[in-house]
Amino acid sequence: MARDQIDMTPIETRDELVAWLAAGCKPKAQFRAGTEHEKFAFTVEDHRPVPYAGRRSIRALLDGMQHLLGWEPIMEGDNIIGMYDITGGGAISLEPGGQFELSGAPVETVHQTAAELMAHLAQLREVAKPLGIGFLGMGMTPNWRRQDMPVMPKGRYKIMTNYMPKVGTLGLDMMYRTCTVQANLDFSSEADMVKKLRVSLALQPVATALFANSPFTEGKPNGFLSFRSNIWRDTDNARAGMLPWAFEQGMGFERWVDYALDVPMYFVKRGDKYIDVAGKSFRDFFAGKLDVLPGERPTISDWANHLSTIFPEVRLKRYLEMRGADGGPWRRLPSLTAYWVGLLYDDDALDACWDMVKAWTAEERQKLRDDVPTRGFRAEIRDRNVLTLAQETLRLCTRGLQRRKRLDRNGRDETRYLRPLEESVARGITPAEELLEKYFNEWNESVDPLYDEYAY
């Protein structure tokens, strides 16, 4: 989350909340894709977390990047906590434990996503190398303990840190010890949004398996292939999950609004101050009944910020966010965007995916989601395993990308970014299982080689 919204227009009716979401609809010719990815910063000399302040620090990274790029800084008090590109739309931000995030600009092709990523990493290395800082792409830190993690000076994270232990056992691990890669995609109408939301919710466990990359906790195998995905099962179930009601008749923008109104809030921002309203209802706020802000009604900013604190497997804002994938090595990051663009932006692929999943029940979808973090490609639904689903969706995705005919300057289409996924499927094992193979063999049961072999 790069920065809080700033729009103090008061909200008077529920219809305005619905209209805010519906304003995301756009013609297919204007569809874009955005990619967000997080990575762990570590000290090169001893592979330790990087603190916020000091000579070798997250703040020094941000200061250096701001000087290099000339982007507008995002400040909280005297602390720089990110920056954004006014012209391009990209942003750099911090997750709670110092995870360094690029929120990519909305772009037309996966080629542009890959170019944006390469430019970002080159710029980051230019600043980080003299500081002795490196970056690791994984779904969860492989060896740092929760108490080892630095705390970023962001008001919203302080509120979340206090609230998380009240609603689950793993929320602090989610905040401080995980990284993800997300793809953000557009929709043309309410019906198009609903279809894409349903397909991507049902298939999100397939993406989780394809990108599973968090098999270690505190230096040892943790029994999972995607422990990051498992963490979400006990973070805060009032704001996470597979949204079974999204498959029911009547699903649309209004239904999402009604859901979001009842998701507990974290904060209300007034000026530079974050007001702790954790656990309170946005519905009560909307009715002017919030006890800490008596009589006050929410603004567009409050609504947009609240939507950014809802964490289902697929999130609706003015676009759809695919949230099921672990962070990973740089060459896999454009693969997530390519996968979902190929499936959701091609009508034939989208129809075929819907035919594949439409008969699945809510219970079957939930069991698949619950099984994938441990079983990966071996998880099953209706006597089919995830490996066969991955193979089939990759075939559909390949055709979808080929039909898009978005070529780079060398005449190559976007299917080239699927190769890391095709390699995993050809071997029949997830990225996490590749790491476990190395851990038990050439790495002599140590995770330390990760910092050399898998660093950006």
Protein backbone atom coordinates (compact mmCIF):
# COMPACT_ATOMS: atom_id res chain seq x y z
CA MET A 1 0.00 0.00 0.00
CA ALA A 2 1.87 3.01 -1.26
CA ARG A 3 0.01 5.92 0.25
CA ASP A 4 -3.30 6.78 1.83
CA GLN A 5 -5.96 8.37 -0.33
CA ILE A 6 -6.61 12.09 0.03
CA ASP A 7 -10.15 13.01 -0.97
CA MET A 8 -12.16 14.64 1.78
CA THR A 9 -15.43 14.66 -0.18
CA PRO A 10 -18.09 13.59 2.33
CA ILE A 11 -20.12 10.48 1.60
CA GLU A 12 -23.86 10.93 1.96
CA THR A 13 -25.40 7.73 0.58
CA ARG A 14 -24.63 4.05 0.08
CA ASP A 15 -25.11 4.61 -3.66
CA GLU A 16 -22.00 6.81 -3.64
CA LEU A 17 -19.96 3.90 -2.27
CA VAL A 18 -21.26 1.69 -5.07
CA ALA A 19 -20.59 4.39 -7.66
CA TRP A 20 -17.00 4.76 -6.44
CA LEU A 21 -16.33 1.10 -7.23
CA ALA A 22 -18.27 1.19 -10.51
CA ALA A 23 -16.12 4.10 -11.68
CA GLY A 24 -13.37 1.52 -12.20
CA CYS A 25 -15.15 0.17 -15.31
CA LYS A 26 -13.34 1.07 -18.52
CA PRO A 27 -13.39 0.05 -22.20
CA LYS A 28 -11.34 -3.02 -23.01
CA ALA A 29 -9.04 -0.89 -25.16
CA GLN A 30 -8.03 0.96 -22.00
CA PHE A 31 -7.26 -2.15 -19.93
CA ARG A 32 -3.96 -1.96 -18.10
CA ALA A 33 -2.06 -4.26 -15.74
CA GLY A 34 -0.08 -3.28 -12.67
CA THR A 35 2.39 -5.37 -10.70
CA GLU A 36 3.31 -4.95 -7.05
CA HIS A 37 6.16 -6.84 -5.49
CA GLU A 38 7.83 -6.87 -2.09
CA LYS A 39 11.32 -7.99 -1.13
CA PHE A 40 13.36 -8.35 2.05
CA ALA A 41 16.28 -5.98 2.56
CA PHE A 42 19.29 -7.60 4.26
CA THR A 43 22.83 -6.62 5.22
CA VAL A 44 25.25 -8.23 2.79
CA GLU A 45 27.94 -8.90 5.39
CA ASP A 46 25.84 -10.89 7.87
CA HIS A 47 22.42 -11.42 6.29
CA ARG A 48 20.49 -9.55 8.97
CA PRO A 49 17.37 -7.37 8.70
CA VAL A 50 17.93 -3.71 7.83
CA PRO A 51 16.69 -1.18 10.43
CA TYR A 52 14.71 1.91 9.51
CA ALA A 53 17.27 4.47 10.77
CA GLY A 54 21.05 4.73 10.63
CA ARG A 55 23.83 4.80 8.06
CA ARG A 56 22.90 1.40 6.61
CA SER A 57 19.13 1.62 6.76
CA ILE A 58 15.79 1.63 5.02
CA ARG A 59 15.69 5.40 5.38
CA ALA A 60 19.05 5.70 3.64
CA LEU A 61 17.67 3.54 0.82
CA LEU A 62 14.60 5.74 0.47
CA ASP A 63 16.64 8.94 0.59
CA GLY A 64 18.95 7.57 -2.09
CA MET A 65 16.11 6.42 -4.31
CA GLN A 66 14.30 9.73 -3.95
CA HIS A 67 17.45 11.61 -4.93
CA LEU A 68 18.05 9.26 -7.87
CA LEU A 69 14.49 9.24 -9.24
CA GLY A 70 13.23 12.66 -8.24
CA TRP A 71 9.88 11.17 -7.25
CA GLU A 72 7.69 12.94 -4.69
CA PRO A 73 8.49 11.74 -1.16
CA ILE A 74 5.74 10.33 1.04
CA MET A 75 6.32 11.60 4.56
CA GLU A 76 4.91 10.70 7.93
CA GLY A 77 6.06 13.36 10.35
CA ASP A 78 9.79 13.71 9.79
CA ASN A 79 10.15 10.22 8.34
CA ILE A 80 10.20 9.36 4.66
CA ILE A 81 8.11 6.22 4.22
CA GLY A 82 7.88 6.05 0.43
CA MET A 83 7.68 8.02 -2.79
CA TYR A 84 5.51 8.20 -5.87
CA ASP A 85 5.85 9.09 -9.52
CA ILE A 86 3.38 11.85 -10.30
CA THR A 87 3.58 11.29 -14.06
CA GLY A 88 3.89 7.50 -14.39
CA GLY A 89 1.78 6.40 -11.43
CA GLY A 90 4.29 4.05 -9.81
CA ALA A 91 5.26 4.19 -6.15
CA ILE A 92 7.75 2.80 -3.65
CA SER A 93 6.52 1.99 -0.18
CA LEU A 94 7.34 0.05 2.98
CA GLU A 95 5.61 -2.91 4.54
CA PRO A 96 5.64 -3.18 8.37
CA GLY A 97 8.95 -5.05 8.72
CA GLY A 98 10.82 -2.98 6.16
CA GLN A 99 9.83 -5.07 3.15
CA PHE A 100 10.62 -2.83 0.19
CA GLU A 101 7.73 -2.61 -2.27
CA LEU A 102 7.42 -1.39 -5.83
CA SER A 103 3.81 -0.62 -6.74
CA GLY A 104 4.18 -0.59 -10.47
CA ALA A 105 2.39 1.80 -12.77
CA PRO A 106 -0.61 0.56 -14.78
CA VAL A 107 0.88 -0.41 -18.15
CA GLU A 108 -0.40 -1.83 -21.44
CA THR A 109 1.80 -4.91 -21.80
CA VAL A 110 3.71 -7.44 -19.74
CA HIS A 111 6.82 -6.31 -21.64
CA GLN A 112 6.42 -2.92 -19.97
CA THR A 113 5.97 -4.58 -16.58
CA ALA A 114 9.22 -6.49 -17.06
CA ALA A 115 11.06 -3.35 -18.22
CA GLU A 116 9.74 -1.42 -15.22
CA LEU A 117 10.94 -4.19 -12.91
CA MET A 118 14.41 -4.32 -14.45
CA ALA A 119 14.77 -0.53 -14.22
CA HIS A 120 13.64 -0.55 -10.58
CA LEU A 121 16.08 -3.27 -9.57
CA ALA A 122 18.96 -1.57 -11.39
CA GLN A 123 18.18 1.72 -9.64
CA LEU A 124 17.83 -0.01 -6.31
CA ARG A 125 21.18 -1.78 -6.68
CA GLU A 126 22.84 1.53 -7.51
CA VAL A 127 21.70 2.93 -4.17
CA ALA A 128 21.90 -0.26 -2.09
CA LYS A 129 25.32 -1.59 -3.09
CA PRO A 130 27.36 1.22 -1.49
CA LEU A 131 25.27 0.74 1.67
CA GLY A 132 26.03 -2.97 1.81
CA ILE A 133 22.37 -3.89 1.39
CA GLY A 134 20.96 -6.72 -0.69
CA PHE A 135 17.45 -7.99 -1.40
CA LEU A 136 15.86 -11.42 -1.17
CA GLY A 137 12.74 -12.48 -3.03
CA MET A 138 10.80 -15.12 -1.05
CA GLY A 139 7.34 -15.51 0.40
CA MET A 140 8.65 -15.52 3.97
CA THR A 141 11.94 -14.66 5.56
CA PRO A 142 13.80 -17.97 5.79
CA ASN A 143 15.52 -17.46 9.13
CA TRP A 144 14.64 -14.23 10.93
CA ARG A 145 12.50 -14.43 14.04
CA ARG A 146 9.52 -12.16 14.56
CA GLN A 147 11.42 -10.28 17.27
CA ASP A 148 14.32 -9.70 14.86
CA MET A 149 12.19 -7.65 12.49
CA PRO A 150 12.50 -3.85 12.44
CA VAL A 151 9.37 -1.74 12.82
CA MET A 152 8.63 0.95 10.26
CA PRO A 153 7.43 4.34 11.60
CA LYS A 154 3.95 4.24 10.07
CA GLY A 155 0.89 5.02 12.16
CA ARG A 156 -1.38 2.52 10.44
CA TYR A 157 1.07 -0.29 11.19
CA LYS A 158 1.18 0.53 14.89
CA ILE A 159 -2.60 0.20 15.05
CA MET A 160 -2.54 -3.06 13.08
CA THR A 161 0.24 -4.47 15.27
CA ASN A 162 -1.84 -3.90 18.38
CA TYR A 163 -4.99 -5.34 16.80
CA MET A 164 -3.69 -8.46 15.04
CA PRO A 165 -3.19 -10.68 18.14
CA LYS A 166 -6.85 -10.10 19.05
CA VAL A 167 -8.19 -11.71 15.88
CA GLY A 168 -5.70 -14.45 14.94
CA THR A 169 -2.40 -16.07 15.85
CA LEU A 170 -0.37 -15.35 12.69
CA GLY A 171 -1.21 -11.74 11.81
CA LEU A 172 2.11 -10.37 13.06
CA ASP A 173 3.96 -12.92 10.95
CA MET A 174 1.94 -11.76 7.95
CA MET A 175 2.87 -8.15 8.64
CA TYR A 176 6.52 -8.50 9.47
CA ARG A 177 7.83 -11.71 7.90
CA THR A 178 6.12 -12.21 4.52
CA CYS A 179 6.41 -10.86 0.99
CA THR A 180 4.08 -11.18 -1.98
CA VAL A 181 3.80 -10.34 -5.66
CA GLN A 182 0.41 -9.12 -6.91
CA ALA A 183 -1.13 -8.43 -10.29
CA ASN A 184 -3.83 -5.79 -10.68
CA LEU A 185 -6.27 -6.02 -13.60
CA ASP A 186 -9.22 -4.06 -14.99
CA PHE A 187 -12.83 -4.85 -15.81
CA SER A 188 -15.22 -3.37 -18.38
CA SER A 189 -18.54 -3.70 -16.55
CA GLU A 190 -20.14 -5.06 -13.42
CA ALA A 191 -20.79 -8.39 -15.13
CA ASP A 192 -17.19 -8.54 -16.35
CA MET A 193 -15.96 -7.77 -12.82
CA VAL A 194 -18.09 -10.56 -11.34
CA LYS A 195 -16.91 -13.14 -13.86
CA LYS A 196 -13.25 -12.23 -13.41
CA LEU A 197 -13.60 -12.15 -9.63
CA ARG A 198 -15.17 -15.61 -9.55
CA VAL A 199 -12.67 -17.18 -11.94
CA SER A 200 -9.67 -15.68 -10.17
CA LEU A 201 -10.97 -16.62 -6.71
CA ALA A 202 -11.49 -20.22 -7.79
CA LEU A 203 -8.09 -20.43 -9.49
CA GLN A 204 -6.12 -18.47 -6.90
CA PRO A 205 -4.91 -21.73 -5.24
CA VAL A 206 -3.37 -22.71 -8.60
CA ALA A 207 -1.38 -19.46 -8.61
CA THR A 208 -0.42 -20.11 -4.97
CA ALA A 209 1.04 -23.48 -5.98
CA LEU A 210 2.83 -22.08 -9.04
CA PHE A 211 4.51 -19.42 -6.88
CA ALA A 212 4.83 -21.35 -3.58
CA ASN A 213 8.13 -20.14 -2.15
CA SER A 214 8.07 -20.05 1.66
CA PRO A 215 9.10 -23.46 3.01
CA PHE A 216 11.42 -22.24 5.80
CA THR A 217 10.84 -20.63 9.18
CA GLU A 218 13.73 -19.63 11.43
CA GLY A 219 16.21 -21.66 9.41
CA LYS A 220 14.29 -24.95 9.21
CA PRO A 221 11.64 -26.49 6.95
CA ASN A 222 8.24 -25.51 8.32
CA GLY A 223 6.18 -28.32 6.77
CA PHE A 224 4.61 -26.04 4.17
CA LEU A 225 5.37 -25.10 0.59
CA SER A 226 3.67 -21.72 1.02
CA PHE A 227 3.67 -20.86 4.69
CA ARG A 228 2.79 -17.31 3.66
CA SER A 229 -0.48 -18.61 2.22
CA ASN A 230 -1.16 -20.63 5.36
CA ILE A 231 -0.56 -17.55 7.52
CA TRP A 232 -3.58 -15.92 5.89
CA ARG A 233 -5.79 -18.73 7.19
CA ASP A 234 -5.29 -17.44 10.75
CA THR A 235 -4.60 -13.73 10.38
CA ASP A 236 -8.06 -12.15 10.54
CA ASN A 237 -10.83 -14.20 9.00
CA ALA A 238 -13.25 -11.27 9.12
CA ARG A 239 -11.27 -9.63 6.29
CA ALA A 240 -9.61 -12.55 4.47
CA GLY A 241 -10.61 -15.72 2.66
CA MET A 242 -12.28 -17.11 -0.45
CA LEU A 243 -15.53 -15.06 -0.34
CA PRO A 244 -18.08 -17.85 -0.98
CA TRP A 245 -20.89 -15.27 -1.26
CA ALA A 246 -19.24 -13.84 -4.37
CA PHE A 247 -20.54 -16.89 -6.27
CA GLU A 248 -24.14 -16.37 -5.16
CA GLN A 249 -26.90 -14.82 -7.24
CA GLY A 250 -26.96 -11.04 -6.98
CA MET A 251 -23.19 -10.58 -6.74
CA GLY A 252 -22.06 -7.14 -7.88
CA PHE A 253 -20.71 -3.83 -6.65
CA GLU A 254 -23.54 -3.45 -4.14
CA ARG A 255 -22.80 -6.82 -2.59
CA TRP A 256 -19.15 -5.88 -2.17
CA VAL A 257 -20.14 -2.61 -0.53
CA ASP A 258 -22.37 -4.45 1.95
CA TYR A 259 -19.49 -6.83 2.74
CA ALA A 260 -16.99 -4.00 3.18
CA LEU A 261 -19.33 -2.02 5.43
CA ASP A 262 -19.20 -4.87 7.95
CA VAL A 263 -15.46 -5.60 7.76
CA PRO A 264 -13.90 -4.19 10.96
CA MET A 265 -11.94 -1.00 10.49
CA TYR A 266 -8.34 -0.31 11.51
CA PHE A 267 -8.03 3.46 11.48
CA VAL A 268 -9.43 6.79 10.37
CA LYS A 269 -6.89 9.33 9.15
CA ARG A 270 -7.38 13.01 9.89
CA GLY A 271 -4.55 15.21 8.69
CA ASP A 272 -1.35 13.40 9.65
CA LYS A 273 -2.98 11.59 12.57
CA TYR A 274 -4.15 7.98 12.55
CA ILE A 275 -7.11 7.50 14.89
CA ASP A 276 -7.34 3.95 16.24
CA VAL A 277 -10.81 2.54 15.50
CA ALA A 278 -9.68 -1.09 15.23
CA GLY A 279 -12.61 -3.47 15.38
CA LYS A 280 -15.22 -0.76 14.81
CA SER A 281 -17.74 -1.03 11.98
CA PHE A 282 -17.58 1.16 8.89
CA ARG A 283 -21.35 0.80 8.84
CA ASP A 284 -21.52 2.57 12.21
CA PHE A 285 -19.11 5.22 10.92
CA PHE A 286 -21.33 5.68 7.87
CA ALA A 287 -24.31 6.22 10.20
CA GLY A 288 -22.39 8.78 12.29
CA LYS A 289 -22.30 6.40 15.25
CA LEU A 290 -18.55 5.89 15.67
CA ASP A 291 -17.92 6.50 19.36
CA VAL A 292 -14.43 7.97 18.89
CA LEU A 293 -15.70 10.39 16.19
CA PRO A 294 -19.25 11.08 17.36
CA GLY A 295 -21.50 12.51 14.68
CA GLU A 296 -18.74 12.49 12.04
CA ARG A 297 -19.40 10.86 8.67
CA PRO A 298 -16.79 9.24 6.40
CA THR A 299 -15.18 10.75 3.33
CA ILE A 300 -14.10 9.21 0.04
CA SER A 301 -10.61 8.93 1.55
CA ASP A 302 -11.95 6.94 4.49
CA TRP A 303 -13.74 4.54 2.14
CA ALA A 304 -10.73 4.05 -0.15
CA ASN A 305 -8.41 3.52 2.82
CA HIS A 306 -10.82 1.06 4.41
CA LEU A 307 -11.02 -0.99 1.19
CA SER A 308 -7.21 -1.18 1.22
CA THR A 309 -7.34 -2.96 4.60
CA ILE A 310 -9.53 -5.83 3.35
CA PHE A 311 -7.40 -8.87 2.48
CA PRO A 312 -9.31 -11.65 0.64
CA GLU A 313 -7.59 -13.88 -1.90
CA VAL A 314 -8.82 -11.48 -4.61
CA ARG A 315 -9.59 -7.88 -3.67
CA LEU A 316 -11.94 -5.50 -5.43
CA LYS A 317 -11.14 -1.81 -5.52
CA ARG A 318 -11.44 0.06 -8.81
CA TYR A 319 -9.62 -2.93 -10.25
CA LEU A 320 -9.05 -6.53 -9.15
CA GLU A 321 -5.97 -7.54 -7.16
CA MET A 322 -4.64 -11.10 -7.39
CA ARG A 323 -3.29 -11.80 -3.88
CA GLY A 324 -2.41 -15.51 -3.76
CA ALA A 325 1.27 -15.58 -4.76
CA ASP A 326 4.45 -15.68 -2.70
CA GLY A 327 7.22 -13.23 -3.49
CA GLY A 328 10.05 -14.79 -5.46
CA PRO A 329 13.14 -14.32 -7.61
CA TRP A 330 13.01 -11.48 -10.10
CA ARG A 331 12.55 -13.64 -13.22
CA ARG A 332 9.26 -15.04 -11.86
CA LEU A 333 7.68 -11.68 -11.01
CA PRO A 334 6.40 -10.77 -14.51
CA SER A 335 5.10 -14.35 -14.77
CA LEU A 336 2.25 -13.63 -12.37
CA THR A 337 1.03 -10.69 -14.44
CA ALA A 338 1.42 -12.69 -17.66
CA TYR A 339 -0.56 -15.59 -16.15
CA TRP A 340 -3.56 -13.49 -15.13
CA VAL A 341 -3.49 -11.22 -18.20
CA GLY A 342 -3.57 -14.29 -20.45
CA LEU A 343 -6.50 -15.81 -18.55
CA LEU A 344 -8.62 -12.75 -17.78
CA TYR A 345 -8.04 -10.36 -20.69
CA ASP A 346 -8.82 -12.88 -23.43
CA ASP A 347 -12.53 -13.66 -23.73
CA ASP A 348 -12.05 -17.24 -24.92
CA ALA A 349 -9.62 -18.04 -22.10
CA LEU A 350 -11.89 -16.41 -19.53
CA ASP A 351 -14.89 -18.40 -20.79
CA ALA A 352 -12.90 -21.64 -20.71
CA CYS A 353 -11.74 -20.94 -17.16
CA TRP A 354 -15.30 -20.25 -16.05
CA ASP A 355 -16.42 -23.54 -17.61
CA MET A 356 -13.65 -25.24 -15.65
CA VAL A 357 -14.60 -23.86 -12.22
CA LYS A 358 -18.29 -22.95 -12.32
CA ALA A 359 -19.53 -26.28 -10.92
CA TRP A 360 -17.15 -26.27 -7.96
CA THR A 361 -18.90 -25.83 -4.63
CA ALA A 362 -17.86 -23.36 -1.94
CA GLU A 363 -16.71 -26.28 0.21
CA GLU A 364 -14.59 -27.68 -2.61
CA ARG A 365 -13.02 -24.31 -3.33
CA GLN A 366 -12.23 -23.82 0.35
CA LYS A 367 -10.68 -27.26 0.73
CA LEU A 368 -8.48 -26.63 -2.30
CA ARG A 369 -7.36 -23.32 -0.84
CA ASP A 370 -6.64 -25.00 2.52
CA ASP A 371 -4.71 -27.92 1.02
CA VAL A 372 -2.45 -26.05 -1.42
CA PRO A 373 -0.11 -24.45 1.18
CA THR A 374 1.05 -27.93 2.25
CA ARG A 375 0.38 -30.10 -0.81
CA GLY A 376 1.11 -27.71 -3.67
CA PHE A 377 0.58 -29.39 -7.03
CA ARG A 378 -0.67 -32.55 -5.28
CA ALA A 379 -3.77 -30.85 -3.83
CA GLU A 380 -6.95 -32.10 -5.48
CA ILE A 381 -10.43 -30.96 -6.41
CA ARG A 382 -12.97 -33.32 -8.03
CA ASP A 383 -10.30 -35.98 -8.66
CA ARG A 384 -8.05 -33.52 -10.47
CA ASN A 385 -4.80 -32.35 -8.95
CA VAL A 386 -3.48 -28.82 -9.09
CA LEU A 387 -0.67 -29.86 -11.43
CA THR A 388 -3.21 -30.73 -14.14
CA LEU A 389 -5.07 -27.47 -13.44
CA ALA A 390 -1.80 -25.58 -13.77
CA GLN A 391 -1.05 -27.34 -17.06
CA GLU A 392 -4.50 -26.57 -18.43
CA THR A 393 -4.57 -22.94 -17.33
CA LEU A 394 -1.09 -22.37 -18.74
CA ARG A 395 -2.28 -23.71 -22.10
CA LEU A 396 -5.26 -21.37 -22.02
CA CYS A 397 -3.04 -18.51 -20.89
CA THR A 398 -0.55 -19.14 -23.70
CA ARG A 399 -3.29 -18.99 -26.31
CA GLY A 400 -4.76 -15.88 -24.71
CA LEU A 401 -1.41 -14.09 -24.79
CA GLN A 402 -0.76 -15.21 -28.35
CA ARG A 403 -4.12 -13.80 -29.44
CA ARG A 404 -3.27 -10.47 -27.77
CA LYS A 405 -0.29 -10.14 -30.14
CA ARG A 406 1.52 -7.65 -27.95
CA LEU A 407 5.07 -7.85 -29.33
CA ASP A 408 8.30 -6.45 -27.95
CA ARG A 409 10.86 -4.74 -30.16
CA ASN A 410 12.33 -8.16 -31.05
CA GLY A 411 8.97 -9.47 -32.23
CA ARG A 412 8.35 -11.72 -29.21
CA ASP A 413 4.92 -11.97 -27.63
CA GLU A 414 4.12 -12.04 -23.90
CA THR A 415 4.21 -15.85 -23.63
CA ARG A 416 7.95 -15.62 -22.97
CA TYR A 417 7.20 -14.58 -19.39
CA LEU A 418 5.45 -17.89 -18.70
CA ARG A 419 8.68 -19.90 -19.00
CA PRO A 420 9.47 -20.06 -15.27
CA LEU A 421 5.97 -21.43 -14.64
CA GLU A 422 6.26 -23.92 -17.50
CA GLU A 423 9.56 -25.13 -16.05
CA SER A 424 7.97 -25.77 -12.66
CA VAL A 425 5.05 -27.62 -14.23
CA ALA A 426 7.38 -29.69 -16.44
CA ARG A 427 9.25 -30.83 -13.32
CA GLY A 428 6.03 -31.30 -11.41
CA ILE A 429 7.35 -29.49 -8.36
CA THR A 430 6.82 -26.04 -6.89
CA PRO A 431 9.63 -23.50 -6.36
CA ALA A 432 9.50 -24.36 -2.65
CA GLU A 433 10.24 -28.01 -3.40
CA GLU A 434 13.22 -26.95 -5.50
CA LEU A 435 14.53 -25.05 -2.47
CA LEU A 436 13.94 -28.01 -0.18
CA GLU A 437 15.87 -30.26 -2.58
CA LYS A 438 18.84 -27.92 -2.33
CA TYR A 439 18.46 -27.51 1.44
CA PHE A 440 18.70 -31.26 2.07
CA ASN A 441 21.48 -31.85 -0.45
CA GLU A 442 23.95 -29.25 -1.71
CA TRP A 443 23.17 -26.70 1.03
CA ASN A 444 23.79 -29.17 3.86
CA GLU A 445 20.59 -28.19 5.69
CA SER A 446 21.39 -24.49 5.73
CA VAL A 447 19.28 -21.61 4.37
CA ASP A 448 22.25 -19.24 4.24
CA PRO A 449 23.02 -19.95 0.53
CA LEU A 450 19.68 -18.33 -0.30
CA TYR A 451 21.24 -14.94 0.33
CA ASP A 452 23.73 -15.54 -2.46
CA GLU A 453 21.83 -17.67 -4.95
CA TYR A 454 18.40 -16.03 -4.71
CA ALA A 455 19.26 -12.42 -3.98
CA TYR A 456 18.26 -9.68 -6.45
